[in-house]
Amino acid sequence: MVDRRQILVGAAGAAGMLAAEAAAQTTPAPAAAPPESPWAVTYIEVDPAQAEAARRLLARYRDALKDKGALEFAVFEQMGRPNQFVIVEAWPSAKAREDNAAAAPARELRAGLAPLLIAPYDERPHFALSTAPKTGTDAAVHVVTHADFIPPKREQGSAEVRNLVEAGRGKAGNIVFDALVQASRPNHLTIFECWKTAADQQTHSAAAPTRAFRAAIGPMSGSLYDERLYTLLK
């Protein structure tokens, strides 16, 4: 006679083993540690009537950070919209960037800007996609571009951005051509360019490789290609 209890026990054991195997196959691998994010791009928009007051605060902050260990630190004023500013900074590590943001000069800047702002103080940590040392210092036009891609096209869009900056870096009139990735949203990228003259920047924008890049990323984009031209805050 067949012992039905043994059959049931055996079946339960086999089912448990199959369930364990299935769980082992479907359990996701541990998430990779996020990349180090020593860069930050900060957008600041103040009441137009308070633009001069904001300039003074930003210049004081910039001067307070001289010899404080930043690898890159610059403040820019948007052309045609002098109430809009951007800070581009790089530090030896994410901790150094965070320590600076928590230090007295940065706290004083944010406190001083608070009553002048018409939009939130927008600081965005980044990590490098493709960066290189400057090839000069005398730039007339600085360009900060925000691009984002729909998540399924993130890697393809990022590759297109990398190709653009590495092909354009060091070409006639170019001083800086870097690509950064926003740490909290890796489908959001910042392209940072510095050009010796406005004509150099315009020539690059109209060149065939740049037009091809814009055509390629159009279908992948999650928003408008937000390109803004700046001058260095003196």
Protein backbone atom coordinates (compact mmCIF):
# COMPACT_ATOMS: atom_id res chain seq x y z
CA MET A 1 0.00 0.00 0.00
CA VAL A 2 1.25 3.46 -0.86
CA ASP A 3 1.85 5.67 2.16
CA ARG A 4 0.07 8.90 1.19
CA ARG A 5 1.76 10.78 4.01
CA GLN A 6 5.18 10.06 2.56
CA ILE A 7 4.00 11.23 -0.86
CA LEU A 8 2.63 14.47 0.60
CA VAL A 9 5.80 15.11 2.61
CA GLY A 10 7.98 14.40 -0.41
CA ALA A 11 5.88 16.66 -2.61
CA ALA A 12 6.05 19.46 -0.06
CA GLY A 13 9.80 19.12 0.18
CA ALA A 14 10.19 19.23 -3.58
CA ALA A 15 7.93 22.26 -3.80
CA GLY A 16 9.97 24.00 -1.12
CA MET A 17 13.19 23.32 -3.00
CA LEU A 18 11.71 24.63 -6.24
CA ALA A 19 10.46 27.76 -4.47
CA ALA A 20 13.88 28.35 -2.93
CA GLU A 21 15.57 27.93 -6.30
CA ALA A 22 13.10 30.33 -7.90
CA ALA A 23 13.66 32.89 -5.16
CA ALA A 24 17.41 32.60 -5.56
CA GLN A 25 17.07 33.18 -9.30
CA THR A 26 14.81 36.22 -8.94
CA THR A 27 16.47 37.95 -5.97
CA PRO A 28 18.09 41.11 -7.37
CA ALA A 29 21.80 41.61 -6.96
CA PRO A 30 22.87 44.23 -4.41
CA ALA A 31 22.77 47.73 -5.86
CA ALA A 32 26.12 49.16 -6.88
CA ALA A 33 27.46 52.01 -4.80
CA PRO A 34 26.65 55.39 -6.37
CA PRO A 35 29.56 57.13 -8.09
CA GLU A 36 31.52 59.73 -6.19
CA SER A 37 29.90 63.15 -6.77
CA PRO A 38 32.47 65.89 -6.15
CA TRP A 39 30.90 68.33 -8.64
CA ALA A 40 27.97 70.69 -8.06
CA VAL A 41 25.99 72.92 -10.40
CA THR A 42 23.83 75.48 -8.59
CA TYR A 43 21.17 77.62 -10.26
CA ILE A 44 20.18 80.91 -8.61
CA GLU A 45 17.37 83.23 -9.74
CA VAL A 46 16.73 86.49 -7.89
CA ASP A 47 14.35 89.41 -8.18
CA PRO A 48 15.70 91.52 -11.08
CA ALA A 49 15.72 94.54 -8.78
CA GLN A 50 18.07 92.61 -6.46
CA ALA A 51 20.57 91.47 -9.10
CA GLU A 52 23.34 93.79 -7.91
CA ALA A 53 22.90 92.69 -4.29
CA ALA A 54 23.13 89.08 -5.42
CA ARG A 55 26.30 89.82 -7.37
CA ARG A 56 27.93 91.23 -4.26
CA LEU A 57 26.98 88.19 -2.18
CA LEU A 58 28.21 85.76 -4.82
CA ALA A 59 31.49 87.62 -5.33
CA ARG A 60 32.09 87.65 -1.57
CA TYR A 61 31.41 83.90 -1.41
CA ARG A 62 33.74 83.19 -4.35
CA ASP A 63 36.52 85.25 -2.76
CA ALA A 64 36.05 83.51 0.61
CA LEU A 65 36.78 80.14 -1.05
CA LYS A 66 40.15 81.09 -2.54
CA ASP A 67 42.78 78.56 -1.44
CA LYS A 68 40.12 76.40 0.25
CA GLY A 69 40.80 73.34 -1.86
CA ALA A 70 38.31 73.62 -4.72
CA LEU A 71 39.55 72.13 -7.99
CA GLU A 72 37.10 74.30 -9.92
CA PHE A 73 34.93 77.14 -8.67
CA ALA A 74 33.32 79.82 -10.80
CA VAL A 75 30.22 81.99 -10.69
CA PHE A 76 28.51 83.04 -13.91
CA GLU A 77 25.80 85.55 -14.83
CA GLN A 78 23.38 84.67 -17.62
CA MET A 79 23.59 86.79 -20.77
CA GLY A 80 20.44 88.81 -21.27
CA ARG A 81 19.05 87.77 -17.88
CA PRO A 82 21.34 89.35 -15.29
CA ASN A 83 19.19 88.15 -12.39
CA GLN A 84 20.08 84.51 -13.12
CA PHE A 85 23.34 82.97 -11.99
CA VAL A 86 25.01 79.58 -11.93
CA ILE A 87 27.85 78.23 -9.79
CA VAL A 88 30.00 75.42 -11.21
CA GLU A 89 32.33 73.78 -8.71
CA ALA A 90 34.47 70.68 -8.32
CA TRP A 91 36.16 69.38 -5.16
CA PRO A 92 38.62 66.56 -4.48
CA SER A 93 35.79 64.40 -3.11
CA ALA A 94 32.06 64.41 -2.38
CA LYS A 95 32.88 64.85 1.31
CA ALA A 96 34.94 67.96 0.56
CA ARG A 97 32.01 69.37 -1.44
CA GLU A 98 29.57 68.55 1.37
CA ASP A 99 31.90 70.04 4.00
CA ASN A 100 32.09 73.25 2.01
CA ALA A 101 28.30 73.41 1.64
CA ALA A 102 27.98 73.09 5.42
CA ALA A 103 30.72 75.66 6.20
CA ALA A 104 30.09 79.23 7.32
CA PRO A 105 30.65 80.98 3.93
CA ALA A 106 28.09 78.78 2.17
CA ARG A 107 25.57 79.14 4.99
CA GLU A 108 26.01 82.91 4.91
CA LEU A 109 25.52 82.96 1.14
CA ARG A 110 22.26 81.01 1.34
CA ALA A 111 21.00 83.16 4.20
CA GLY A 112 21.86 86.36 2.34
CA LEU A 113 20.27 85.20 -0.90
CA ALA A 114 17.08 83.89 0.73
CA PRO A 115 15.14 87.21 0.73
CA LEU A 116 16.29 87.97 -2.84
CA LEU A 117 15.26 84.70 -4.48
CA ILE A 118 12.24 84.26 -6.75
CA ALA A 119 12.97 80.53 -7.16
CA PRO A 120 14.53 77.99 -4.76
CA TYR A 121 18.30 77.82 -4.37
CA ASP A 122 18.90 74.83 -6.68
CA GLU A 123 22.13 72.95 -5.86
CA ARG A 124 22.65 69.73 -7.83
CA PRO A 125 25.55 67.37 -7.01
CA HIS A 126 27.10 65.71 -10.06
CA PHE A 127 29.69 63.14 -11.00
CA ALA A 128 31.87 63.28 -14.09
CA LEU A 129 30.87 61.64 -17.37
CA SER A 130 33.78 63.14 -19.32
CA THR A 131 36.04 65.95 -18.07
CA ALA A 132 39.51 67.28 -18.85
CA PRO A 133 41.80 70.11 -17.71
CA LYS A 134 41.24 73.58 -19.18
CA THR A 135 43.22 74.48 -22.29
CA GLY A 136 43.24 78.21 -21.46
CA THR A 137 41.74 80.84 -19.19
CA ASP A 138 40.51 83.71 -21.38
CA ALA A 139 36.90 82.75 -22.18
CA ALA A 140 34.27 85.24 -23.29
CA VAL A 141 31.33 82.83 -23.40
CA HIS A 142 30.43 80.07 -20.96
CA VAL A 143 27.63 77.63 -21.71
CA VAL A 144 25.72 75.49 -19.22
CA THR A 145 23.24 73.09 -20.78
CA HIS A 146 20.80 70.81 -19.01
CA ALA A 147 19.79 67.73 -21.02
CA ASP A 148 17.70 64.81 -19.85
CA PHE A 149 16.74 61.56 -21.47
CA ILE A 150 13.81 59.23 -21.00
CA PRO A 151 15.08 56.44 -18.71
CA PRO A 152 15.12 53.65 -21.36
CA LYS A 153 17.41 55.85 -23.48
CA ARG A 154 19.67 57.07 -20.67
CA GLU A 155 22.77 55.11 -21.69
CA GLN A 156 22.35 55.90 -25.38
CA GLY A 157 21.78 59.59 -24.67
CA SER A 158 24.78 59.72 -22.33
CA ALA A 159 26.95 58.13 -25.02
CA GLU A 160 25.86 60.80 -27.50
CA VAL A 161 26.77 63.53 -24.99
CA ARG A 162 30.15 61.95 -24.31
CA ASN A 163 30.88 61.78 -28.04
CA LEU A 164 29.91 65.43 -28.49
CA VAL A 165 32.16 66.79 -25.74
CA GLU A 166 35.14 64.58 -26.55
CA ALA A 167 34.96 65.45 -30.25
CA GLY A 168 34.59 69.18 -29.54
CA ARG A 169 37.06 69.48 -26.69
CA GLY A 170 40.14 71.44 -27.68
CA LYS A 171 38.80 72.46 -31.09
CA ALA A 172 39.43 76.01 -32.30
CA GLY A 173 38.37 78.45 -29.60
CA ASN A 174 37.39 75.82 -27.05
CA ILE A 175 38.76 76.09 -23.50
CA VAL A 176 36.48 73.70 -21.57
CA PHE A 177 34.09 71.02 -22.77
CA ASP A 178 32.87 68.76 -19.95
CA ALA A 179 29.90 66.49 -19.35
CA LEU A 180 28.52 65.79 -15.87
CA VAL A 181 25.76 63.50 -14.59
CA GLN A 182 23.35 64.57 -11.86
CA ALA A 183 23.86 62.25 -8.90
CA SER A 184 20.19 62.01 -7.89
CA ARG A 185 18.89 61.55 -11.45
CA PRO A 186 21.40 59.82 -13.72
CA ASN A 187 19.26 60.50 -16.79
CA HIS A 188 19.87 64.25 -16.24
CA LEU A 189 23.16 65.61 -17.60
CA THR A 190 24.94 68.97 -17.56
CA ILE A 191 27.19 70.05 -20.43
CA PHE A 192 29.67 72.78 -19.50
CA GLU A 193 31.54 74.70 -22.22
CA CYS A 194 33.89 77.70 -22.28
CA TRP A 195 34.79 79.47 -25.55
CA LYS A 196 37.31 82.22 -26.29
CA THR A 197 34.83 84.29 -28.31
CA ALA A 198 31.12 84.42 -29.10
CA ALA A 199 31.99 83.63 -32.73
CA ASP A 200 33.78 80.42 -31.65
CA GLN A 201 30.71 79.29 -29.71
CA GLN A 202 28.38 80.12 -32.60
CA THR A 203 30.59 78.28 -35.07
CA HIS A 204 30.47 75.19 -32.87
CA SER A 205 26.68 75.40 -32.49
CA ALA A 206 26.18 75.56 -36.25
CA ALA A 207 28.73 72.86 -37.12
CA ALA A 208 27.55 69.63 -38.72
CA PRO A 209 28.56 67.38 -35.76
CA THR A 210 26.58 69.54 -33.33
CA ARG A 211 23.53 69.54 -35.60
CA ALA A 212 23.82 65.76 -35.93
CA PHE A 213 24.02 65.42 -32.14
CA ARG A 214 20.89 67.53 -31.66
CA ALA A 215 19.02 65.45 -34.24
CA ALA A 216 20.13 62.19 -32.60
CA ILE A 217 19.08 63.09 -29.07
CA GLY A 218 15.77 64.70 -29.99
CA PRO A 219 13.71 61.48 -29.86
CA MET A 220 15.39 60.47 -26.58
CA SER A 221 14.90 63.74 -24.73
CA GLY A 222 12.62 64.04 -21.73
CA SER A 223 12.44 67.85 -21.96
CA LEU A 224 13.70 70.79 -23.98
CA TYR A 225 17.44 71.05 -24.53
CA ASP A 226 18.11 73.89 -22.06
CA GLU A 227 21.22 75.75 -23.27
CA ARG A 228 22.14 78.99 -21.44
CA LEU A 229 24.97 81.39 -22.20
CA TYR A 230 26.84 83.14 -19.38
CA THR A 231 29.64 85.56 -18.66
CA LEU A 232 32.04 85.15 -15.75
CA LEU A 233 31.07 87.16 -12.69
CA LYS A 234 33.85 89.67 -12.15
